[in-house]
C-alpha cells in the first residue's frame, strides 16, 4: 500500500519532484549555453541530468528506496 497525503500518492509527489528538477536543469543549461543562438542539450546530457537528480533525491530521502530505471527510447 502506497503512502498517501489526502488523495495524493507519495510516489506521484516524488515523480513530480524528479521531473521538475530535471526540467530545471535543462532550462538552466539552455540559458547558460545561449548567447544569441539556441542550442539544446544532447540526449546523453539530459540523461545525465536525470541521473544527477535521482542522486539528489536519494540523498534528500535516503530511506525512500528511490531508484531510476533508464527509459527505453520509446519512453523518452
N, C-alpha and C. Protein backbone atom coordinates (compact mmCIF):
# COMPACT_ATOMS: atom_id res chain seq x y z
N UNK A 1 0.85 -1.18 0.00
CA UNK A 1 0.00 0.00 0.00
C UNK A 1 0.90 1.24 0.00
N UNK A 2 0.61 2.14 -0.90
CA UNK A 2 1.41 3.36 -1.03
C UNK A 2 1.01 4.39 0.03
N UNK A 3 1.97 5.20 0.40
CA UNK A 3 1.70 6.29 1.35
C UNK A 3 0.91 7.36 0.62
N UNK A 4 -0.12 7.89 1.27
CA UNK A 4 -0.93 8.94 0.66
C UNK A 4 -1.03 10.13 1.60
N UNK A 5 -1.05 11.29 1.00
CA UNK A 5 -1.29 12.54 1.72
C UNK A 5 -2.62 13.05 1.19
N UNK A 6 -3.69 12.76 1.92
CA UNK A 6 -5.02 13.03 1.39
C UNK A 6 -5.25 12.11 0.21
N UNK A 7 -5.51 12.68 -0.94
CA UNK A 7 -5.71 11.89 -2.15
C UNK A 7 -4.45 11.76 -2.99
N UNK A 8 -3.35 12.35 -2.54
CA UNK A 8 -2.12 12.39 -3.33
C UNK A 8 -1.20 11.25 -2.92
N UNK A 9 -0.79 10.47 -3.89
CA UNK A 9 0.10 9.35 -3.69
C UNK A 9 1.53 9.87 -3.55
N UNK A 10 2.26 9.40 -2.55
CA UNK A 10 3.64 9.84 -2.32
C UNK A 10 4.53 9.56 -3.52
N UNK A 11 4.28 8.46 -4.23
CA UNK A 11 5.06 8.16 -5.43
C UNK A 11 4.88 9.25 -6.48
N UNK A 12 3.68 9.78 -6.60
CA UNK A 12 3.43 10.85 -7.56
C UNK A 12 4.17 12.13 -7.16
N UNK A 13 4.23 12.39 -5.87
CA UNK A 13 4.97 13.56 -5.40
C UNK A 13 6.45 13.43 -5.79
N UNK A 14 7.04 12.26 -5.57
CA UNK A 14 8.43 12.05 -5.94
C UNK A 14 8.62 12.13 -7.46
N UNK A 15 7.70 11.57 -8.21
CA UNK A 15 7.77 11.66 -9.68
C UNK A 15 7.75 13.11 -10.13
N UNK A 16 6.85 13.89 -9.54
CA UNK A 16 6.77 15.32 -9.89
C UNK A 16 8.05 16.05 -9.54
N UNK A 17 8.58 15.80 -8.35
CA UNK A 17 9.81 16.46 -7.94
C UNK A 17 10.95 16.08 -8.87
N UNK A 18 11.02 14.82 -9.26
CA UNK A 18 12.04 14.37 -10.21
C UNK A 18 11.93 15.12 -11.52
N UNK A 19 10.74 15.15 -12.09
CA UNK A 19 10.55 15.80 -13.39
C UNK A 19 10.83 17.31 -13.32
N UNK A 20 10.40 17.94 -12.25
CA UNK A 20 10.65 19.38 -12.10
C UNK A 20 12.14 19.66 -12.00
N UNK A 21 12.85 18.85 -11.23
CA UNK A 21 14.29 19.05 -11.09
C UNK A 21 15.03 18.82 -12.41
N UNK A 22 14.63 17.80 -13.17
CA UNK A 22 15.24 17.57 -14.48
C UNK A 22 14.96 18.76 -15.39
N UNK A 23 13.72 19.22 -15.41
CA UNK A 23 13.36 20.36 -16.24
C UNK A 23 14.13 21.61 -15.84
N UNK A 24 14.28 21.83 -14.54
CA UNK A 24 15.03 22.97 -14.05
C UNK A 24 16.47 22.94 -14.55
N UNK A 25 17.08 21.77 -14.53
CA UNK A 25 18.45 21.64 -15.01
C UNK A 25 18.54 21.86 -16.51
N UNK A 26 17.56 21.37 -17.25
CA UNK A 26 17.55 21.58 -18.71
C UNK A 26 17.43 23.07 -19.02
N UNK A 27 16.50 23.75 -18.37
CA UNK A 27 16.30 25.18 -18.61
C UNK A 27 17.55 25.97 -18.22
N UNK A 28 18.14 25.64 -17.09
CA UNK A 28 19.36 26.32 -16.67
C UNK A 28 20.48 26.10 -17.68
N UNK A 29 20.59 24.89 -18.17
CA UNK A 29 21.61 24.58 -19.16
C UNK A 29 21.35 25.35 -20.47
N UNK A 30 20.11 25.42 -20.89
CA UNK A 30 19.76 26.19 -22.10
C UNK A 30 20.12 27.66 -21.93
N UNK A 31 19.79 28.22 -20.79
CA UNK A 31 20.08 29.63 -20.53
C UNK A 31 21.59 29.88 -20.52
N UNK A 32 22.34 28.95 -19.95
CA UNK A 32 23.79 29.09 -19.87
C UNK A 32 24.43 29.03 -21.26
N UNK A 33 23.92 28.16 -22.12
CA UNK A 33 24.52 27.95 -23.44
C UNK A 33 24.20 29.04 -24.45
N UNK A 34 23.08 29.69 -24.29
CA UNK A 34 22.59 30.53 -25.37
C UNK A 34 23.06 31.97 -25.27
N UNK A 35 23.93 32.29 -26.19
CA UNK A 35 24.40 33.66 -26.35
C UNK A 35 24.07 34.05 -27.79
N UNK A 36 22.79 34.20 -28.05
CA UNK A 36 22.34 34.60 -29.38
C UNK A 36 21.88 33.46 -30.28
N UNK A 37 22.10 32.23 -29.86
CA UNK A 37 21.62 31.10 -30.66
C UNK A 37 21.08 30.02 -29.73
N UNK A 38 20.17 29.23 -30.21
CA UNK A 38 19.54 28.20 -29.40
C UNK A 38 20.23 26.87 -29.63
N UNK A 39 20.80 26.32 -28.58
CA UNK A 39 21.49 25.04 -28.64
C UNK A 39 20.91 24.15 -27.54
N UNK A 40 20.33 23.04 -27.92
CA UNK A 40 19.70 22.14 -26.97
C UNK A 40 20.70 21.13 -26.42
N UNK A 41 20.50 20.68 -25.19
CA UNK A 41 21.37 19.63 -24.66
C UNK A 41 21.12 18.33 -25.42
N UNK A 42 22.14 17.50 -25.50
CA UNK A 42 22.00 16.21 -26.17
C UNK A 42 21.19 15.26 -25.30
N UNK A 43 20.75 14.16 -25.89
CA UNK A 43 20.01 13.14 -25.14
C UNK A 43 20.87 12.59 -24.01
N UNK A 44 22.16 12.45 -24.25
CA UNK A 44 23.08 11.96 -23.22
C UNK A 44 23.19 12.95 -22.06
N UNK A 45 23.22 14.23 -22.39
CA UNK A 45 23.29 15.24 -21.34
C UNK A 45 22.01 15.26 -20.50
N UNK A 46 20.86 15.12 -21.16
CA UNK A 46 19.59 15.08 -20.44
C UNK A 46 19.54 13.85 -19.53
N UNK A 47 20.03 12.73 -20.03
CA UNK A 47 20.09 11.52 -19.19
C UNK A 47 21.01 11.77 -18.00
N UNK A 48 22.10 12.48 -18.20
CA UNK A 48 22.98 12.84 -17.10
C UNK A 48 22.27 13.70 -16.07
N UNK A 49 21.45 14.64 -16.54
CA UNK A 49 20.65 15.47 -15.62
C UNK A 49 19.74 14.57 -14.78
N UNK A 50 19.10 13.61 -15.44
CA UNK A 50 18.19 12.70 -14.73
C UNK A 50 18.93 11.94 -13.64
N UNK A 51 20.10 11.42 -13.99
CA UNK A 51 20.89 10.65 -13.01
C UNK A 51 21.32 11.53 -11.84
N UNK A 52 21.69 12.78 -12.12
CA UNK A 52 22.07 13.71 -11.05
C UNK A 52 20.89 13.99 -10.14
N UNK A 53 19.71 14.16 -10.73
CA UNK A 53 18.51 14.44 -9.92
C UNK A 53 18.15 13.24 -9.06
N UNK A 54 18.25 12.03 -9.61
CA UNK A 54 17.97 10.83 -8.82
C UNK A 54 18.93 10.76 -7.64
N UNK A 55 20.21 11.02 -7.88
CA UNK A 55 21.19 11.00 -6.78
C UNK A 55 20.84 12.05 -5.73
N UNK A 56 20.39 13.22 -6.19
CA UNK A 56 20.00 14.29 -5.26
C UNK A 56 18.78 13.86 -4.43
N UNK A 57 17.79 13.24 -5.07
CA UNK A 57 16.60 12.79 -4.35
C UNK A 57 16.94 11.65 -3.39
N UNK A 58 17.84 10.76 -3.80
CA UNK A 58 18.25 9.67 -2.92
C UNK A 58 18.95 10.22 -1.68
N UNK A 59 19.73 11.28 -1.86
CA UNK A 59 20.40 11.90 -0.72
C UNK A 59 19.38 12.62 0.18
N UNK A 60 18.41 13.27 -0.45
CA UNK A 60 17.39 14.02 0.30
C UNK A 60 16.45 13.08 1.05
N UNK A 61 16.12 11.95 0.42
CA UNK A 61 15.19 10.98 1.02
C UNK A 61 15.88 9.61 1.09
N UNK A 62 16.88 9.46 1.97
CA UNK A 62 17.69 8.24 1.98
C UNK A 62 16.95 6.95 2.33
N UNK A 63 15.84 7.05 3.00
CA UNK A 63 15.10 5.85 3.40
C UNK A 63 13.96 5.51 2.46
N UNK A 64 13.83 6.26 1.37
CA UNK A 64 12.66 6.10 0.49
C UNK A 64 12.80 4.98 -0.52
N UNK A 65 14.01 4.49 -0.77
CA UNK A 65 14.20 3.45 -1.76
C UNK A 65 14.07 3.96 -3.19
N UNK A 66 14.35 5.23 -3.40
CA UNK A 66 14.24 5.83 -4.72
C UNK A 66 15.27 5.18 -5.65
N UNK A 67 14.82 4.83 -6.83
CA UNK A 67 15.70 4.27 -7.85
C UNK A 67 15.36 4.87 -9.20
N UNK A 68 16.14 4.51 -10.20
CA UNK A 68 15.90 5.04 -11.54
C UNK A 68 16.12 3.94 -12.55
N UNK A 69 15.12 3.72 -13.38
CA UNK A 69 15.22 2.76 -14.46
C UNK A 69 15.34 3.56 -15.75
N UNK A 70 16.43 3.39 -16.46
CA UNK A 70 16.64 4.13 -17.71
C UNK A 70 15.50 3.84 -18.66
N UNK A 71 14.84 4.91 -19.16
CA UNK A 71 13.72 4.69 -20.07
C UNK A 71 14.19 4.15 -21.42
N UNK A 72 13.30 3.38 -22.04
CA UNK A 72 13.59 2.92 -23.39
C UNK A 72 13.42 4.08 -24.35
N UNK A 73 13.98 4.01 -25.55
CA UNK A 73 13.85 5.14 -26.49
C UNK A 73 12.40 5.58 -26.73
N UNK A 74 11.45 4.65 -26.68
CA UNK A 74 10.04 4.99 -26.89
C UNK A 74 9.51 5.85 -25.74
N UNK A 75 9.97 5.60 -24.51
CA UNK A 75 9.51 6.33 -23.33
C UNK A 75 10.09 7.74 -23.26
N UNK A 76 11.19 8.00 -23.92
CA UNK A 76 11.82 9.31 -23.88
C UNK A 76 11.02 10.23 -24.69
